[in-house]
Amino acid sequence: MIIVMQKQASEQSITTVVQLIREHGLHEHISRGIERTIIGAVGDERVFLPEEFEALPQVERAMRVVNEWRIVGREVKKEDTVIKIKGVSFGGDSFLTILSNPINEEEIIKAHALYLDLIEADTKFSIYQQKELVNQEYMLHTLFDKAHHHNKPVLFHLRDIRQLDMALKYGVDMLYLGAEFIGNRLLLDEVRQLNIPLVLEKGRQHTAYESLLSAEYIALGGNHQLLFCESGTLHFDPQQPLRLDIEAILTLKAQSHLPVLVNTLSLGSKDVTPEHLHKIIKITGANGVLYKRKN
C-alpha cells in the first residue's frame, strides 16, 4: 500500500499513518520529498482498505500495489483451472453449451450441461392451477432424473437459501448463485463451506472487481471449486435488453484462473443473432454459454 500525504503534512499526521501500519503487523517505508511525503506499507497489504488511510488527517490518497484477491488470482496460479463434472471439463480451452430448462430428450443429449431455474420454469404454469402442479421439488426431481440418465451436469440456480437442502437432496452438480449473492456475506457464508462447485453471477449492477472479491471470500472459506458467470450490463439504449459486458469477461480472464461462463438468457439485440452472439462470446475466451431453446 502506498499512502501519499498532502503537501506540507505535519509530523503528527505522518505518525498517525505509521501507527496504523504497525498496528496491522506491517512496517513502514517513508520517502520525504520537498513538498510531499510518501509512505509505503511493507507486507501483506490485503489487511488494509485504502479508505482506512484516506480517512486519516492530511492523507491525500492511498493506492494498492497488489490485488486484494490472492487464492483466485493469477499471481498465485498462472494456468487456468479446470473443473471436471461427469466427464465435462469447465475451464481451460473448453467452450460448453449449457441449455436452460430443457423439455425433451433430444435437447438434453445435444447440450454439454443443463441449467435449471425454478422461477423461469414456473412461468409456463397458470397462477390458478393447483399448487402441486408447480411443486418445485417435483420439477427439480424430474429434470435431475433426465439429466443424470444421460450423465449431464446440472447447474441449479439457487434463488432462495431455503432451496439448498432440496437441491443437495437430489444431487445437484453445481450451484448457480445469482447476483444477489455478490458482496452479501450472510448469503456467501451459507455456501462457502460446501464441497460443491459454485457459479458466481455478475449482475448488471456489479463489476468484475466485485465478483473477484466475492470469489476470494468463498475461497477463504475452503471452497475453491468456483466459476464466474457474466450475465450482462445495462444497454446504452434503455429500450434495448441487457448487453454483453465484454470488458468484464476479459478482466476476469486476465485477473483470475477460474473458468468464466456467459448467461445469455437476458441478453438480446435485434441486430445480433444468437449464433453471432455465441461467436463473440467464444472470441472473448469465455468457457461456455448458457442459452435457452428456440421457440
C-alpha atoms as a PDB file:
ATOM      1  CA  MET A   1       0.000   0.000   0.000  1.00  0.00           C
ATOM      2  CA  ILE A   2       1.287   3.443  -0.927  1.00  0.00           C
ATOM      3  CA  ILE A   3      -0.004   6.407   1.079  1.00  0.00           C
ATOM      4  CA  VAL A   4       0.508   9.876  -0.377  1.00  0.00           C
ATOM      5  CA  MET A   5       0.350  12.681   2.174  1.00  0.00           C
ATOM      6  CA  GLN A   6      -0.920  16.153   1.399  1.00  0.00           C
ATOM      7  CA  LYS A   7       1.533  19.000   0.811  1.00  0.00           C
ATOM      8  CA  GLN A   8       3.365  20.041   3.976  1.00  0.00           C
ATOM      9  CA  ALA A   9       1.696  17.314   6.066  1.00  0.00           C
ATOM     10  CA  SER A  10       2.580  17.556   9.741  1.00  0.00           C
ATOM     11  CA  GLU A  11       4.750  15.058  11.609  1.00  0.00           C
ATOM     12  CA  GLN A  12       1.755  14.175  13.762  1.00  0.00           C
ATOM     13  CA  SER A  13      -0.258  13.156  10.688  1.00  0.00           C
ATOM     14  CA  ILE A  14       2.644  11.067   9.384  1.00  0.00           C
ATOM     15  CA  THR A  15       2.997   9.388  12.793  1.00  0.00           C
ATOM     16  CA  THR A  16      -0.717   8.538  12.794  1.00  0.00           C
ATOM     17  CA  VAL A  17      -0.343   6.738   9.460  1.00  0.00           C
ATOM     18  CA  VAL A  18       2.736   4.868  10.688  1.00  0.00           C
ATOM     19  CA  GLN A  19       0.890   3.741  13.816  1.00  0.00           C
ATOM     20  CA  LEU A  20      -1.966   2.280  11.753  1.00  0.00           C
ATOM     21  CA  ILE A  21       0.531   0.385   9.596  1.00  0.00           C
ATOM     22  CA  ARG A  22       2.278  -1.092  12.640  1.00  0.00           C
ATOM     23  CA  GLU A  23      -0.999  -1.993  14.336  1.00  0.00           C
ATOM     24  CA  HIS A  24      -1.701  -4.359  11.435  1.00  0.00           C
ATOM     25  CA  GLY A  25       1.700  -6.049  11.710  1.00  0.00           C
ATOM     26  CA  LEU A  26       3.375  -4.319   8.779  1.00  0.00           C
ATOM     27  CA  HIS A  27       6.250  -1.862   8.758  1.00  0.00           C
ATOM     28  CA  GLU A  28       6.641   1.467   7.042  1.00  0.00           C
ATOM     29  CA  HIS A  29       8.996   2.908   4.435  1.00  0.00           C
ATOM     30  CA  ILE A  30       8.994   6.723   4.462  1.00  0.00           C
ATOM     31  CA  SER A  31      10.148   8.790   1.482  1.00  0.00           C
ATOM     32  CA  ARG A  32      10.327  12.535   2.203  1.00  0.00           C
ATOM     33  CA  GLY A  33      10.238  14.940  -0.733  1.00  0.00           C
ATOM     34  CA  ILE A  34      10.476  18.731  -0.819  1.00  0.00           C
ATOM     35  CA  GLU A  35       6.699  19.150  -0.667  1.00  0.00           C
ATOM     36  CA  ARG A  36       5.216  15.707  -0.072  1.00  0.00           C
ATOM     37  CA  THR A  37       5.868  12.624   1.998  1.00  0.00           C
ATOM     38  CA  ILE A  38       5.075   9.186   0.604  1.00  0.00           C
ATOM     39  CA  ILE A  39       4.715   6.230   2.982  1.00  0.00           C
ATOM     40  CA  GLY A  40       4.866   2.612   1.909  1.00  0.00           C
ATOM     41  CA  ALA A  41       3.207  -0.129   3.973  1.00  0.00           C
ATOM     42  CA  VAL A  42       5.562  -3.112   3.570  1.00  0.00           C
ATOM     43  CA  GLY A  43       3.994  -6.553   3.977  1.00  0.00           C
ATOM     44  CA  ASP A  44       0.669  -8.141   3.109  1.00  0.00           C
ATOM     45  CA  GLU A  45      -1.380  -5.046   2.329  1.00  0.00           C
ATOM     46  CA  ARG A  46      -4.600  -7.045   1.981  1.00  0.00           C
ATOM     47  CA  VAL A  47      -5.232  -6.463   5.690  1.00  0.00           C
ATOM     48  CA  PHE A  48      -5.999  -2.807   4.832  1.00  0.00           C
ATOM     49  CA  LEU A  49      -8.618  -0.935   2.883  1.00  0.00           C
ATOM     50  CA  PRO A  50      -7.386   2.238   1.141  1.00  0.00           C
ATOM     51  CA  GLU A  51     -10.305   4.064   2.761  1.00  0.00           C
ATOM     52  CA  GLU A  52      -8.817   3.444   6.209  1.00  0.00           C
ATOM     53  CA  PHE A  53      -5.835   5.629   5.355  1.00  0.00           C
ATOM     54  CA  GLU A  54      -7.771   8.179   3.333  1.00  0.00           C
ATOM     55  CA  ALA A  55      -9.906   8.895   6.424  1.00  0.00           C
ATOM     56  CA  LEU A  56      -6.816   9.942   8.387  1.00  0.00           C
ATOM     57  CA  PRO A  57      -5.752  13.613   8.687  1.00  0.00           C
ATOM     58  CA  GLN A  58      -3.746  15.075   5.770  1.00  0.00           C
ATOM     59  CA  VAL A  59      -3.770  11.874   3.688  1.00  0.00           C
ATOM     60  CA  GLU A  60      -4.343  12.733   0.028  1.00  0.00           C
ATOM     61  CA  ARG A  61      -4.822   9.205  -1.304  1.00  0.00           C
ATOM     62  CA  ALA A  62      -3.902   5.556  -0.739  1.00  0.00           C
ATOM     63  CA  MET A  63      -3.200   3.029  -3.507  1.00  0.00           C
ATOM     64  CA  ARG A  64      -2.768  -0.723  -3.548  1.00  0.00           C
ATOM     65  CA  VAL A  65       0.345  -2.263  -5.032  1.00  0.00           C
ATOM     66  CA  VAL A  66      -1.148  -5.762  -5.403  1.00  0.00           C
ATOM     67  CA  ASN A  67      -4.700  -7.024  -5.876  1.00  0.00           C
ATOM     68  CA  GLU A  68      -6.967  -7.938  -2.980  1.00  0.00           C
ATOM     69  CA  TRP A  69      -7.602 -11.419  -4.371  1.00  0.00           C
ATOM     70  CA  ARG A  70      -4.892 -13.979  -3.882  1.00  0.00           C
ATOM     71  CA  ILE A  71      -6.341 -17.520  -4.000  1.00  0.00           C
ATOM     72  CA  VAL A  72      -8.404 -16.894  -7.146  1.00  0.00           C
ATOM     73  CA  GLY A  73      -5.821 -14.615  -8.794  1.00  0.00           C
ATOM     74  CA  ARG A  74      -3.237 -15.365 -11.446  1.00  0.00           C
ATOM     75  CA  GLU A  75      -0.457 -14.134  -9.182  1.00  0.00           C
ATOM     76  CA  VAL A  76      -0.566 -17.498  -7.410  1.00  0.00           C
ATOM     77  CA  LYS A  77      -1.772 -19.770 -10.233  1.00  0.00           C
ATOM     78  CA  LYS A  78      -0.877 -18.898 -13.808  1.00  0.00           C
ATOM     79  CA  GLU A  79      -2.569 -21.825 -15.555  1.00  0.00           C
ATOM     80  CA  ASP A  80      -6.344 -21.984 -15.990  1.00  0.00           C
ATOM     81  CA  THR A  81      -8.353 -24.010 -13.505  1.00  0.00           C
ATOM     82  CA  VAL A  82     -10.358 -26.875 -14.994  1.00  0.00           C
ATOM     83  CA  ILE A  83     -13.303 -28.301 -13.046  1.00  0.00           C
ATOM     84  CA  LYS A  84     -14.485 -31.720 -14.238  1.00  0.00           C
ATOM     85  CA  ILE A  85     -18.040 -32.868 -13.560  1.00  0.00           C
ATOM     86  CA  LYS A  86     -19.445 -36.083 -15.042  1.00  0.00           C
ATOM     87  CA  GLY A  87     -16.674 -36.082 -17.643  1.00  0.00           C
ATOM     88  CA  VAL A  88     -17.384 -32.478 -18.731  1.00  0.00           C
ATOM     89  CA  SER A  89     -14.494 -30.013 -18.357  1.00  0.00           C
ATOM     90  CA  PHE A  90     -15.342 -26.465 -17.302  1.00  0.00           C
ATOM     91  CA  GLY A  91     -12.376 -24.175 -17.961  1.00  0.00           C
ATOM     92  CA  GLY A  92      -9.150 -24.384 -19.879  1.00  0.00           C
ATOM     93  CA  ASP A  93      -9.725 -24.362 -23.647  1.00  0.00           C
ATOM     94  CA  SER A  94     -13.283 -25.670 -23.436  1.00  0.00           C
ATOM     95  CA  PHE A  95     -16.367 -23.859 -24.743  1.00  0.00           C
ATOM     96  CA  LEU A  96     -19.536 -25.504 -23.478  1.00  0.00           C
ATOM     97  CA  THR A  97     -23.200 -25.130 -24.363  1.00  0.00           C
ATOM     98  CA  ILE A  98     -25.452 -25.130 -21.296  1.00  0.00           C
ATOM     99  CA  LEU A  99     -29.186 -25.347 -22.017  1.00  0.00           C
ATOM    100  CA  SER A 100     -31.744 -23.659 -19.779  1.00  0.00           C
ATOM    101  CA  ASN A 101     -34.764 -25.662 -18.547  1.00  0.00           C
ATOM    102  CA  PRO A 102     -34.816 -28.322 -21.305  1.00  0.00           C
ATOM    103  CA  ILE A 103     -38.029 -30.163 -22.091  1.00  0.00           C
ATOM    104  CA  ASN A 104     -37.281 -33.086 -24.403  1.00  0.00           C
ATOM    105  CA  GLU A 105     -34.622 -35.785 -24.503  1.00  0.00           C
ATOM    106  CA  GLU A 106     -33.103 -34.551 -27.771  1.00  0.00           C
ATOM    107  CA  GLU A 107     -32.297 -31.153 -26.264  1.00  0.00           C
ATOM    108  CA  ILE A 108     -30.642 -32.782 -23.258  1.00  0.00           C
ATOM    109  CA  ILE A 109     -28.471 -35.046 -25.409  1.00  0.00           C
ATOM    110  CA  LYS A 110     -27.153 -32.162 -27.561  1.00  0.00           C
ATOM    111  CA  ALA A 111     -26.136 -29.905 -24.645  1.00  0.00           C
ATOM    112  CA  HIS A 112     -22.930 -30.318 -22.626  1.00  0.00           C
ATOM    113  CA  ALA A 113     -24.716 -29.392 -19.406  1.00  0.00           C
ATOM    114  CA  LEU A 114     -28.115 -28.180 -18.168  1.00  0.00           C
ATOM    115  CA  TYR A 115     -29.242 -25.118 -16.220  1.00  0.00           C
ATOM    116  CA  LEU A 116     -32.329 -25.141 -14.031  1.00  0.00           C
ATOM    117  CA  ASP A 117     -34.073 -22.038 -12.726  1.00  0.00           C
ATOM    118  CA  LEU A 118     -37.321 -22.931 -10.987  1.00  0.00           C
ATOM    119  CA  ILE A 119     -38.669 -19.384 -11.262  1.00  0.00           C
ATOM    120  CA  GLU A 120     -38.293 -19.433 -15.043  1.00  0.00           C
ATOM    121  CA  ALA A 121     -39.725 -22.940 -15.208  1.00  0.00           C
ATOM    122  CA  ASP A 122     -42.777 -21.794 -13.232  1.00  0.00           C
ATOM    123  CA  THR A 123     -43.758 -19.203 -15.834  1.00  0.00           C
ATOM    124  CA  LYS A 124     -45.413 -21.744 -18.114  1.00  0.00           C
ATOM    125  CA  PHE A 125     -47.977 -22.558 -15.430  1.00  0.00           C
ATOM    126  CA  SER A 126     -51.141 -20.606 -14.678  1.00  0.00           C
ATOM    127  CA  ILE A 127     -51.394 -18.991 -11.259  1.00  0.00           C
ATOM    128  CA  TYR A 128     -54.833 -20.635 -10.964  1.00  0.00           C
ATOM    129  CA  GLN A 129     -53.507 -24.188 -11.239  1.00  0.00           C
ATOM    130  CA  GLN A 130     -53.283 -26.349  -8.184  1.00  0.00           C
ATOM    131  CA  LYS A 131     -50.124 -25.846  -6.152  1.00  0.00           C
ATOM    132  CA  GLU A 132     -48.968 -29.446  -6.534  1.00  0.00           C
ATOM    133  CA  LEU A 133     -48.690 -28.964 -10.310  1.00  0.00           C
ATOM    134  CA  VAL A 134     -45.994 -26.362  -9.865  1.00  0.00           C
ATOM    135  CA  ASN A 135     -44.271 -28.041  -6.948  1.00  0.00           C
ATOM    136  CA  GLN A 136     -40.630 -27.022  -7.079  1.00  0.00           C
ATOM    137  CA  GLU A 137     -39.339 -30.282  -5.678  1.00  0.00           C
ATOM    138  CA  TYR A 138     -41.227 -32.241  -8.329  1.00  0.00           C
ATOM    139  CA  MET A 139     -39.720 -30.135 -11.144  1.00  0.00           C
ATOM    140  CA  LEU A 140     -36.258 -30.428  -9.661  1.00  0.00           C
ATOM    141  CA  HIS A 141     -36.548 -34.184  -9.247  1.00  0.00           C
ATOM    142  CA  THR A 142     -37.888 -34.630 -12.799  1.00  0.00           C
ATOM    143  CA  LEU A 143     -35.090 -32.698 -14.508  1.00  0.00           C
ATOM    144  CA  PHE A 144     -32.371 -34.254 -12.380  1.00  0.00           C
ATOM    145  CA  ASP A 145     -33.609 -37.733 -13.303  1.00  0.00           C
ATOM    146  CA  LYS A 146     -33.461 -36.882 -17.020  1.00  0.00           C
ATOM    147  CA  ALA A 147     -30.089 -35.182 -16.786  1.00  0.00           C
ATOM    148  CA  HIS A 148     -28.449 -37.879 -14.719  1.00  0.00           C
ATOM    149  CA  HIS A 149     -29.870 -40.557 -17.003  1.00  0.00           C
ATOM    150  CA  HIS A 150     -27.754 -39.010 -19.779  1.00  0.00           C
ATOM    151  CA  ASN A 151     -24.869 -38.255 -17.395  1.00  0.00           C
ATOM    152  CA  LYS A 152     -25.226 -34.471 -17.865  1.00  0.00           C
ATOM    153  CA  PRO A 153     -24.112 -31.990 -15.170  1.00  0.00           C
ATOM    154  CA  VAL A 154     -26.874 -29.746 -13.783  1.00  0.00           C
ATOM    155  CA  LEU A 155     -26.378 -26.107 -12.713  1.00  0.00           C
ATOM    156  CA  PHE A 156     -29.137 -25.268 -10.244  1.00  0.00           C
ATOM    157  CA  HIS A 157     -29.967 -21.569  -9.797  1.00  0.00           C
ATOM    158  CA  LEU A 158     -30.238 -21.050  -6.047  1.00  0.00           C
ATOM    159  CA  ARG A 159     -32.860 -18.297  -5.723  1.00  0.00           C
ATOM    160  CA  ASP A 160     -33.520 -18.784  -2.028  1.00  0.00           C
ATOM    161  CA  ILE A 161     -31.273 -20.274   0.634  1.00  0.00           C
ATOM    162  CA  ARG A 162     -34.262 -22.439   1.633  1.00  0.00           C
ATOM    163  CA  GLN A 163     -33.836 -24.314  -1.656  1.00  0.00           C
ATOM    164  CA  LEU A 164     -30.373 -25.514  -0.667  1.00  0.00           C
ATOM    165  CA  ASP A 165     -31.355 -28.671   1.234  1.00  0.00           C
ATOM    166  CA  MET A 166     -33.719 -29.692  -1.568  1.00  0.00           C
ATOM    167  CA  ALA A 167     -31.022 -29.219  -4.214  1.00  0.00           C
ATOM    168  CA  LEU A 168     -28.462 -31.222  -2.262  1.00  0.00           C
ATOM    169  CA  LYS A 169     -31.017 -33.966  -1.628  1.00  0.00           C
ATOM    170  CA  TYR A 170     -31.367 -34.652  -5.359  1.00  0.00           C
ATOM    171  CA  GLY A 171     -27.653 -34.497  -6.067  1.00  0.00           C
ATOM    172  CA  VAL A 172     -27.153 -31.088  -7.645  1.00  0.00           C
ATOM    173  CA  ASP A 173     -23.838 -30.954  -9.518  1.00  0.00           C
ATOM    174  CA  MET A 174     -23.268 -27.191  -9.365  1.00  0.00           C
ATOM    175  CA  LEU A 175     -24.964 -24.300  -7.597  1.00  0.00           C
ATOM    176  CA  TYR A 176     -25.562 -21.159  -9.658  1.00  0.00           C
ATOM    177  CA  LEU A 177     -25.522 -18.176  -7.292  1.00  0.00           C
ATOM    178  CA  GLY A 178     -27.453 -15.183  -8.579  1.00  0.00           C
ATOM    179  CA  ALA A 179     -26.231 -11.601  -8.473  1.00  0.00           C
ATOM    180  CA  GLU A 180     -27.846 -11.122  -5.049  1.00  0.00           C
ATOM    181  CA  PHE A 181     -25.029 -13.215  -3.565  1.00  0.00           C
ATOM    182  CA  ILE A 182     -22.270 -10.873  -4.755  1.00  0.00           C
ATOM    183  CA  GLY A 183     -20.922  -8.944  -1.784  1.00  0.00           C
ATOM    184  CA  ASN A 184     -23.583 -10.400   0.573  1.00  0.00           C
ATOM    185  CA  ARG A 185     -21.547 -12.125   3.257  1.00  0.00           C
ATOM    186  CA  LEU A 186     -24.604 -13.506   5.037  1.00  0.00           C
ATOM    187  CA  LEU A 187     -25.551 -15.465   1.921  1.00  0.00           C
ATOM    188  CA  LEU A 188     -21.971 -16.338   0.995  1.00  0.00           C
ATOM    189  CA  ASP A 189     -21.367 -17.732   4.493  1.00  0.00           C
ATOM    190  CA  GLU A 190     -24.131 -20.264   3.855  1.00  0.00           C
ATOM    191  CA  VAL A 191     -22.438 -21.740   0.789  1.00  0.00           C
ATOM    192  CA  ARG A 192     -18.696 -21.112   1.126  1.00  0.00           C
ATOM    193  CA  GLN A 193     -18.061 -24.326   3.081  1.00  0.00           C
ATOM    194  CA  LEU A 194     -19.968 -26.609   0.701  1.00  0.00           C
ATOM    195  CA  ASN A 195     -17.967 -29.212  -1.187  1.00  0.00           C
ATOM    196  CA  ILE A 196     -19.676 -28.451  -4.491  1.00  0.00           C
ATOM    197  CA  PRO A 197     -18.784 -26.205  -7.461  1.00  0.00           C
ATOM    198  CA  LEU A 198     -20.296 -22.719  -7.258  1.00  0.00           C
ATOM    199  CA  VAL A 199     -21.053 -20.406 -10.181  1.00  0.00           C
ATOM    200  CA  LEU A 200     -20.944 -16.695  -9.246  1.00  0.00           C
ATOM    201  CA  GLU A 201     -23.143 -14.497 -11.413  1.00  0.00           C
ATOM    202  CA  LYS A 202     -22.050 -10.921 -12.104  1.00  0.00           C
ATOM    203  CA  GLY A 203     -25.264  -8.939 -12.393  1.00  0.00           C
ATOM    204  CA  ARG A 204     -25.963  -5.739 -14.299  1.00  0.00           C
ATOM    205  CA  GLN A 205     -25.156  -3.615 -11.226  1.00  0.00           C
ATOM    206  CA  HIS A 206     -21.836  -5.270 -10.400  1.00  0.00           C
ATOM    207  CA  THR A 207     -18.260  -5.006 -11.617  1.00  0.00           C
ATOM    208  CA  ALA A 208     -15.702  -7.698 -12.323  1.00  0.00           C
ATOM    209  CA  TYR A 209     -13.824  -6.363  -9.282  1.00  0.00           C
ATOM    210  CA  GLU A 210     -16.766  -7.196  -7.002  1.00  0.00           C
ATOM    211  CA  SER A 211     -17.018 -10.687  -8.490  1.00  0.00           C
ATOM    212  CA  LEU A 212     -13.339 -11.304  -7.802  1.00  0.00           C
ATOM    213  CA  LEU A 213     -13.703 -10.194  -4.179  1.00  0.00           C
ATOM    214  CA  SER A 214     -16.713 -12.469  -3.617  1.00  0.00           C
ATOM    215  CA  ALA A 215     -14.864 -15.408  -5.150  1.00  0.00           C
ATOM    216  CA  GLU A 216     -11.885 -14.741  -2.896  1.00  0.00           C
ATOM    217  CA  TYR A 217     -14.164 -14.635   0.164  1.00  0.00           C
ATOM    218  CA  ILE A 218     -15.660 -18.022  -0.732  1.00  0.00           C
ATOM    219  CA  ALA A 219     -12.205 -19.485  -1.378  1.00  0.00           C
ATOM    220  CA  LEU A 220     -11.058 -18.309   2.049  1.00  0.00           C
ATOM    221  CA  GLY A 221     -13.913 -20.406   3.476  1.00  0.00           C
ATOM    222  CA  GLY A 222     -12.449 -23.545   1.909  1.00  0.00           C
ATOM    223  CA  ASN A 223     -14.301 -23.971  -1.401  1.00  0.00           C
ATOM    224  CA  HIS A 224     -12.006 -23.460  -4.388  1.00  0.00           C
ATOM    225  CA  GLN A 225     -14.389 -25.012  -6.951  1.00  0.00           C
ATOM    226  CA  LEU A 226     -15.521 -21.688  -8.368  1.00  0.00           C
ATOM    227  CA  LEU A 227     -16.646 -20.299 -11.703  1.00  0.00           C
ATOM    228  CA  PHE A 228     -17.641 -16.794 -12.810  1.00  0.00           C
ATOM    229  CA  CYS A 229     -20.670 -16.002 -14.961  1.00  0.00           C
ATOM    230  CA  GLU A 230     -21.219 -12.747 -16.829  1.00  0.00           C
ATOM    231  CA  SER A 231     -24.939 -12.060 -17.351  1.00  0.00           C
ATOM    232  CA  GLY A 232     -24.971  -8.643 -18.988  1.00  0.00           C
ATOM    233  CA  THR A 233     -24.853  -4.981 -18.127  1.00  0.00           C
ATOM    234  CA  LEU A 234     -27.131  -2.032 -18.876  1.00  0.00           C
ATOM    235  CA  HIS A 235     -27.502  -1.135 -22.544  1.00  0.00           C
ATOM    236  CA  PHE A 236     -26.688   2.322 -23.886  1.00  0.00           C
ATOM    237  CA  ASP A 237     -30.232   2.380 -25.235  1.00  0.00           C
ATOM    238  CA  PRO A 238     -32.715   1.977 -22.342  1.00  0.00           C
ATOM    239  CA  GLN A 239     -35.211   0.402 -24.768  1.00  0.00           C
ATOM    240  CA  GLN A 240     -32.829  -2.465 -25.503  1.00  0.00           C
ATOM    241  CA  PRO A 241     -32.229  -5.607 -23.388  1.00  0.00           C
ATOM    242  CA  LEU A 242     -29.018  -6.022 -21.444  1.00  0.00           C
ATOM    243  CA  ARG A 243     -25.805  -6.019 -23.443  1.00  0.00           C
ATOM    244  CA  LEU A 244     -22.783  -8.288 -23.192  1.00  0.00           C
ATOM    245  CA  ASP A 245     -20.081  -6.864 -20.909  1.00  0.00           C
ATOM    246  CA  ILE A 246     -17.017  -7.892 -22.924  1.00  0.00           C
ATOM    247  CA  GLU A 247     -14.641  -5.871 -20.747  1.00  0.00           C
ATOM    248  CA  ALA A 248     -15.810  -7.752 -17.639  1.00  0.00           C
ATOM    249  CA  ILE A 249     -15.106 -11.118 -19.292  1.00  0.00           C
ATOM    250  CA  LEU A 250     -11.632 -10.012 -20.355  1.00  0.00           C
ATOM    251  CA  THR A 251     -10.905  -8.651 -16.870  1.00  0.00           C
ATOM    252  CA  LEU A 252     -11.984 -11.871 -15.166  1.00  0.00           C
ATOM    253  CA  LYS A 253      -9.898 -13.959 -17.567  1.00  0.00           C
ATOM    254  CA  ALA A 254      -6.864 -11.722 -17.089  1.00  0.00           C
ATOM    255  CA  GLN A 255      -7.070 -11.415 -13.306  1.00  0.00           C
ATOM    256  CA  SER A 256      -8.191 -14.940 -12.379  1.00  0.00           C
ATOM    257  CA  HIS A 257      -7.503 -18.537 -13.329  1.00  0.00           C
ATOM    258  CA  LEU A 258     -11.139 -19.546 -12.725  1.00  0.00           C
ATOM    259  CA  PRO A 259     -13.484 -20.534 -15.601  1.00  0.00           C
ATOM    260  CA  VAL A 260     -15.840 -17.874 -16.973  1.00  0.00           C
ATOM    261  CA  LEU A 261     -19.318 -18.630 -18.331  1.00  0.00           C
ATOM    262  CA  VAL A 262     -21.783 -16.244 -20.001  1.00  0.00           C
ATOM    263  CA  ASN A 263     -25.520 -16.269 -19.297  1.00  0.00           C
ATOM    264  CA  THR A 264     -27.334 -15.029 -22.426  1.00  0.00           C
ATOM    265  CA  LEU A 265     -30.883 -15.527 -21.123  1.00  0.00           C
ATOM    266  CA  SER A 266     -31.378 -11.771 -20.606  1.00  0.00           C
ATOM    267  CA  LEU A 267     -29.163 -10.640 -23.480  1.00  0.00           C
ATOM    268  CA  GLY A 268     -30.511  -9.802 -26.867  1.00  0.00           C
ATOM    269  CA  SER A 269     -30.466  -7.438 -29.778  1.00  0.00           C
ATOM    270  CA  LYS A 270     -32.432  -7.070 -32.986  1.00  0.00           C
ATOM    271  CA  ASP A 271     -29.100  -6.627 -34.782  1.00  0.00           C
ATOM    272  CA  VAL A 272     -27.246  -9.640 -33.310  1.00  0.00           C
ATOM    273  CA  THR A 273     -28.485 -13.183 -33.772  1.00  0.00           C
ATOM    274  CA  PRO A 274     -27.924 -15.788 -31.018  1.00  0.00           C
ATOM    275  CA  GLU A 275     -25.445 -17.564 -33.290  1.00  0.00           C
ATOM    276  CA  HIS A 276     -23.370 -14.395 -33.776  1.00  0.00           C
ATOM    277  CA  LEU A 277     -23.576 -13.626 -30.061  1.00  0.00           C
ATOM    278  CA  HIS A 278     -22.167 -17.064 -29.229  1.00  0.00           C
ATOM    279  CA  LYS A 279     -19.287 -16.484 -31.654  1.00  0.00           C
ATOM    280  CA  ILE A 280     -18.480 -13.155 -29.994  1.00  0.00           C
ATOM    281  CA  ILE A 281     -18.558 -14.784 -26.570  1.00  0.00           C
ATOM    282  CA  LYS A 282     -16.187 -17.526 -27.725  1.00  0.00           C
ATOM    283  CA  ILE A 283     -13.719 -14.944 -29.051  1.00  0.00           C
ATOM    284  CA  THR A 284     -13.529 -13.294 -25.615  1.00  0.00           C
ATOM    285  CA  GLY A 285     -12.086 -16.507 -24.174  1.00  0.00           C
ATOM    286  CA  ALA A 286     -15.153 -17.432 -22.134  1.00  0.00           C
ATOM    287  CA  ASN A 287     -15.540 -21.140 -21.363  1.00  0.00           C
ATOM    288  CA  GLY A 288     -19.237 -21.643 -22.024  1.00  0.00           C
ATOM    289  CA  VAL A 289     -22.617 -20.115 -22.744  1.00  0.00           C
ATOM    290  CA  LEU A 290     -25.994 -20.518 -21.048  1.00  0.00           C
ATOM    291  CA  TYR A 291     -28.796 -20.286 -23.589  1.00  0.00           C
ATOM    292  CA  LYS A 292     -32.490 -21.051 -23.941  1.00  0.00           C
ATOM    293  CA  ARG A 293     -34.111 -23.287 -26.512  1.00  0.00           C
ATOM    294  CA  LYS A 294     -35.641 -21.788 -29.648  1.00  0.00           C
ATOM    295  CA  ASN A 295     -39.409 -21.424 -29.539  1.00  0.00           C
END
